[in-house]
Amino acid sequence: MADQDALKRAAAEKAVELVRDGMLLGLGSGSTVRYFTEGVGRLVAGGMKVRGVPTSRATAELALSNGIQIVTEFVGQIDLAVDGADEVGPDLNLIKGRGGALFREKIVAAAAKRFVVVADESKLVRQLGVGVVPVEVLPFLWRTTADRLIGLGASLTVRGGEEAPFTTDNGNLVLDLTFENGIADPAATGRSLKTTIGVVETGLFVGMTDTCIVAGPDGPRMLGGRKP
């Protein structure tokens, strides 16, 4: 675990190098991005002026504790959004949301001029769907929503269990979907899930990633578009 933490930190520190004075930053959620947020805090302590758009209440608290000014409404675009991923496919499509913040994470990523994913190399997969695909759904008649999703060929469980289900920062439920043979076409699967009545958002992030910083034993490397 210590080695994996070191890789997470290495990827996050590489992303910190992309931060410039005056930027509006999208601050993701999860263990890897925690290192990024703490790194931004050090820049702020050194005199850099940036603002952050948090993707979860936990991230907001972390940012504030590191001296980062928080923004929840703004005009225009986010300069740089940095977040982690649960799975990263060959085309830099992602599965996110196993921490439960997928809806806000996707809103922030969509608002960014540049969306950078930080991960250790264990998150790289040949095909998405190795693990579950989180789907945020409205609590109202959620069982009928679950039936519709099962009709798309998935099996599912309720995050936290039916008696004491996990609720998102938006007050919704998360259904964790499993596709037995993985996800061959993330774009088509994402559309089918998102257009299902009762679904708020899905953990499939398709065509959104500009750059993925992946840390391995030989150090962090950058996949995809723009370099620093």
Protein backbone atom coordinates (compact mmCIF):
# COMPACT_ATOMS: atom_id res chain seq x y z
CA MET A 1 0.00 0.00 0.00
CA ALA A 2 2.87 2.36 0.80
CA ASP A 3 4.24 1.84 -2.71
CA GLN A 4 0.85 2.59 -4.26
CA ASP A 5 0.55 5.73 -2.15
CA ALA A 6 3.96 6.83 -3.43
CA LEU A 7 2.78 6.34 -7.01
CA LYS A 8 -0.40 8.31 -6.34
CA ARG A 9 1.64 11.13 -4.87
CA ALA A 10 4.04 11.12 -7.85
CA ALA A 11 1.16 11.45 -10.34
CA ALA A 12 -0.45 14.21 -8.32
CA GLU A 13 2.79 16.16 -7.92
CA LYS A 14 3.28 16.05 -11.69
CA ALA A 15 -0.17 17.61 -12.10
CA VAL A 16 0.73 20.35 -9.62
CA GLU A 17 3.37 21.47 -12.15
CA LEU A 18 0.52 22.46 -14.49
CA VAL A 19 -0.92 25.02 -12.06
CA ARG A 20 -0.34 28.68 -12.88
CA ASP A 21 -1.03 31.87 -10.94
CA GLY A 22 -4.58 33.14 -11.32
CA MET A 23 -6.08 29.83 -12.40
CA LEU A 24 -9.56 28.61 -11.54
CA LEU A 25 -9.01 24.94 -10.68
CA GLY A 26 -11.39 22.00 -10.63
CA LEU A 27 -10.52 19.93 -7.58
CA GLY A 28 -11.50 16.29 -7.86
CA SER A 29 -12.20 13.76 -5.14
CA GLY A 30 -10.40 10.70 -3.89
CA SER A 31 -7.06 9.63 -2.47
CA THR A 32 -4.85 10.53 -5.45
CA VAL A 33 -6.33 13.99 -5.90
CA ARG A 34 -5.93 14.65 -2.20
CA TYR A 35 -2.19 14.87 -2.87
CA PHE A 36 -2.87 17.33 -5.71
CA THR A 37 -5.03 19.55 -3.50
CA GLU A 38 -2.39 19.53 -0.78
CA GLY A 39 0.21 20.46 -3.41
CA VAL A 40 -1.91 23.39 -4.55
CA GLY A 41 -2.16 24.42 -0.91
CA ARG A 42 1.61 24.63 -0.76
CA LEU A 43 1.62 26.87 -3.83
CA VAL A 44 -0.95 29.12 -2.18
CA ALA A 45 1.15 29.25 0.98
CA GLY A 46 4.03 30.37 -1.22
CA GLY A 47 2.04 33.29 -2.59
CA MET A 48 0.29 31.90 -5.66
CA LYS A 49 -3.30 33.06 -6.13
CA VAL A 50 -5.71 30.39 -7.35
CA ARG A 51 -9.31 29.47 -6.68
CA GLY A 52 -10.82 25.99 -6.53
CA VAL A 53 -14.13 24.43 -7.57
CA PRO A 54 -14.56 21.35 -5.35
CA THR A 55 -16.33 18.22 -6.58
CA SER A 56 -17.46 17.10 -3.12
CA ARG A 57 -17.98 18.38 0.38
CA ALA A 58 -14.92 16.44 1.51
CA THR A 59 -12.78 18.13 -1.14
CA ALA A 60 -14.16 21.54 -0.17
CA GLU A 61 -13.15 20.95 3.44
CA LEU A 62 -9.70 19.76 2.37
CA ALA A 63 -9.20 22.78 0.10
CA LEU A 64 -10.23 25.25 2.79
CA SER A 65 -7.91 23.59 5.30
CA ASN A 66 -5.09 24.12 2.80
CA GLY A 67 -5.87 27.81 2.32
CA ILE A 68 -7.47 27.49 -1.12
CA GLN A 69 -10.33 29.90 -1.87
CA ILE A 70 -13.48 27.98 -2.81
CA VAL A 71 -15.80 28.94 -5.68
CA THR A 72 -19.21 27.34 -6.25
CA GLU A 73 -20.52 29.67 -8.96
CA PHE A 74 -18.57 31.33 -11.76
CA VAL A 75 -18.85 32.70 -15.27
CA GLY A 76 -16.79 31.14 -18.07
CA GLN A 77 -14.68 28.01 -17.83
CA ILE A 78 -12.44 26.28 -15.34
CA ASP A 79 -8.82 26.62 -16.46
CA LEU A 80 -7.68 23.20 -15.28
CA ALA A 81 -9.55 20.34 -13.62
CA VAL A 82 -7.64 17.48 -12.03
CA ASP A 83 -9.30 14.29 -10.83
CA GLY A 84 -8.62 10.61 -10.33
CA ALA A 85 -10.19 7.57 -11.95
CA ASP A 86 -11.22 4.05 -11.01
CA GLU A 87 -10.46 2.66 -14.48
CA VAL A 88 -8.65 4.23 -17.45
CA GLY A 89 -9.21 2.64 -20.86
CA PRO A 90 -6.93 2.71 -23.91
CA ASP A 91 -8.72 5.76 -25.38
CA LEU A 92 -8.58 7.56 -22.00
CA ASN A 93 -12.25 6.89 -21.41
CA LEU A 94 -12.89 6.43 -17.71
CA ILE A 95 -14.97 4.83 -15.04
CA LYS A 96 -15.31 7.12 -12.05
CA GLY A 97 -17.57 7.45 -9.05
CA ARG A 98 -16.70 4.58 -6.78
CA GLY A 99 -16.20 7.27 -4.15
CA GLY A 100 -19.71 8.55 -4.86
CA ALA A 101 -18.99 12.01 -6.32
CA LEU A 102 -19.50 11.18 -10.02
CA PHE A 103 -22.18 13.78 -10.79
CA ARG A 104 -20.24 16.78 -9.50
CA GLU A 105 -17.01 15.37 -10.89
CA LYS A 106 -18.52 15.20 -14.37
CA ILE A 107 -19.98 18.72 -14.16
CA VAL A 108 -16.58 20.11 -13.22
CA ALA A 109 -14.76 18.11 -15.90
CA ALA A 110 -17.22 19.28 -18.56
CA ALA A 111 -16.67 22.91 -17.53
CA ALA A 112 -12.89 22.71 -17.81
CA LYS A 113 -10.67 23.90 -20.63
CA ARG A 114 -8.36 21.04 -19.75
CA PHE A 115 -9.28 17.88 -17.82
CA VAL A 116 -6.31 15.97 -16.43
CA VAL A 117 -6.60 12.57 -14.77
CA VAL A 118 -4.03 11.40 -12.23
CA ALA A 119 -3.67 7.71 -11.42
CA ASP A 120 -1.26 4.95 -10.57
CA GLU A 121 -0.75 2.36 -13.30
CA SER A 122 -3.00 -0.19 -11.56
CA LYS A 123 -5.96 1.84 -12.90
CA LEU A 124 -5.06 1.13 -16.56
CA VAL A 125 -7.32 -1.50 -18.14
CA ARG A 126 -7.58 -2.98 -21.62
CA GLN A 127 -11.36 -2.62 -21.57
CA LEU A 128 -13.58 -0.70 -19.19
CA GLY A 129 -15.88 -2.66 -16.93
CA VAL A 130 -13.36 -4.69 -14.96
CA GLY A 131 -15.19 -3.42 -11.87
CA VAL A 132 -18.53 -1.77 -11.27
CA VAL A 133 -19.95 1.23 -13.10
CA PRO A 134 -21.55 3.61 -10.57
CA VAL A 135 -24.84 5.19 -11.63
CA GLU A 136 -26.46 7.96 -9.58
CA VAL A 137 -30.25 7.67 -9.50
CA LEU A 138 -33.13 9.52 -7.92
CA PRO A 139 -34.42 7.86 -4.72
CA PHE A 140 -38.04 8.21 -5.93
CA LEU A 141 -39.17 4.82 -7.30
CA TRP A 142 -35.53 3.78 -7.58
CA ARG A 143 -36.47 0.09 -7.89
CA THR A 144 -38.21 0.80 -11.20
CA THR A 145 -35.05 2.57 -12.35
CA ALA A 146 -33.02 -0.46 -11.27
CA ASP A 147 -35.30 -2.74 -13.30
CA ARG A 148 -34.73 -0.61 -16.39
CA LEU A 149 -30.97 -0.79 -15.91
CA ILE A 150 -31.08 -4.56 -15.45
CA GLY A 151 -32.98 -4.65 -18.74
CA LEU A 152 -29.89 -3.19 -20.40
CA GLY A 153 -27.93 -6.31 -19.51
CA ALA A 154 -26.38 -5.30 -16.20
CA SER A 155 -26.58 -6.80 -12.75
CA LEU A 156 -26.47 -4.34 -9.88
CA THR A 157 -26.30 -3.70 -6.17
CA VAL A 158 -27.39 -0.72 -4.12
CA ARG A 159 -24.38 1.12 -2.69
CA GLY A 160 -24.52 0.64 1.07
CA GLY A 161 -27.39 -1.85 0.93
CA GLU A 162 -31.12 -1.27 0.79
CA GLU A 163 -31.61 -0.81 4.54
CA ALA A 164 -29.00 1.97 4.91
CA PRO A 165 -28.06 3.06 1.38
CA PHE A 166 -25.22 5.42 0.63
CA THR A 167 -26.44 8.87 -0.41
CA THR A 168 -24.50 11.32 -2.55
CA ASP A 169 -23.88 14.97 -1.74
CA ASN A 170 -26.92 15.58 -3.96
CA GLY A 171 -29.15 13.34 -1.83
CA ASN A 172 -29.37 10.59 -4.46
CA LEU A 173 -28.63 6.86 -4.44
CA VAL A 174 -25.83 5.03 -6.26
CA LEU A 175 -26.44 1.75 -8.06
CA ASP A 176 -23.26 -0.18 -8.85
CA LEU A 177 -23.65 -1.95 -12.18
CA THR A 178 -21.68 -4.96 -13.33
CA PHE A 179 -21.36 -5.95 -16.99
CA GLU A 180 -20.28 -9.57 -17.18
CA ASN A 181 -18.27 -9.15 -20.38
CA GLY A 182 -17.05 -5.63 -19.73
CA ILE A 183 -17.91 -2.58 -21.81
CA ALA A 184 -16.92 -2.89 -25.46
CA ASP A 185 -18.48 0.42 -26.50
CA PRO A 186 -18.30 2.98 -23.65
CA ALA A 187 -20.02 5.73 -25.68
CA ALA A 188 -23.05 3.60 -26.57
CA THR A 189 -23.29 2.15 -23.07
CA GLY A 190 -23.04 5.60 -21.57
CA ARG A 191 -25.86 6.89 -23.76
CA SER A 192 -28.09 3.94 -22.88
CA LEU A 193 -27.52 4.40 -19.18
CA LYS A 194 -27.90 8.18 -19.19
CA THR A 195 -31.17 8.11 -21.14
CA THR A 196 -32.73 5.63 -18.72
CA ILE A 197 -35.56 7.32 -16.82
CA GLY A 198 -34.56 7.88 -13.19
CA VAL A 199 -30.82 8.09 -13.90
CA VAL A 200 -29.16 11.35 -12.88
CA GLU A 201 -25.62 10.61 -14.09
CA THR A 202 -23.27 7.74 -14.87
CA GLY A 203 -19.69 7.00 -13.97
CA LEU A 204 -18.68 6.57 -17.61
CA PHE A 205 -16.58 9.56 -18.69
CA VAL A 206 -16.27 9.28 -22.46
CA GLY A 207 -14.19 11.62 -24.62
CA MET A 208 -13.56 14.03 -21.75
CA THR A 209 -9.93 13.39 -20.77
CA ASP A 210 -7.27 15.63 -22.29
CA THR A 211 -4.28 14.12 -20.48
CA CYS A 212 -3.74 11.22 -18.11
CA ILE A 213 -0.74 11.29 -15.79
CA VAL A 214 0.06 7.70 -14.85
CA ALA A 215 2.66 6.86 -12.24
CA GLY A 216 4.61 3.61 -12.34
CA PRO A 217 7.94 2.32 -11.01
CA ASP A 218 9.82 4.39 -13.61
CA GLY A 219 8.05 7.60 -12.61
CA PRO A 220 5.00 9.45 -13.94
CA ARG A 221 4.28 9.53 -17.66
CA MET A 222 1.72 11.51 -19.61
CA LEU A 223 -0.79 9.87 -21.94
CA GLY A 224 -2.92 11.73 -24.42
CA GLY A 225 -2.91 15.36 -25.44
CA ARG A 226 -1.07 18.38 -24.19
CA LYS A 227 2.11 18.17 -22.21
CA PRO A 228 3.10 20.74 -19.54
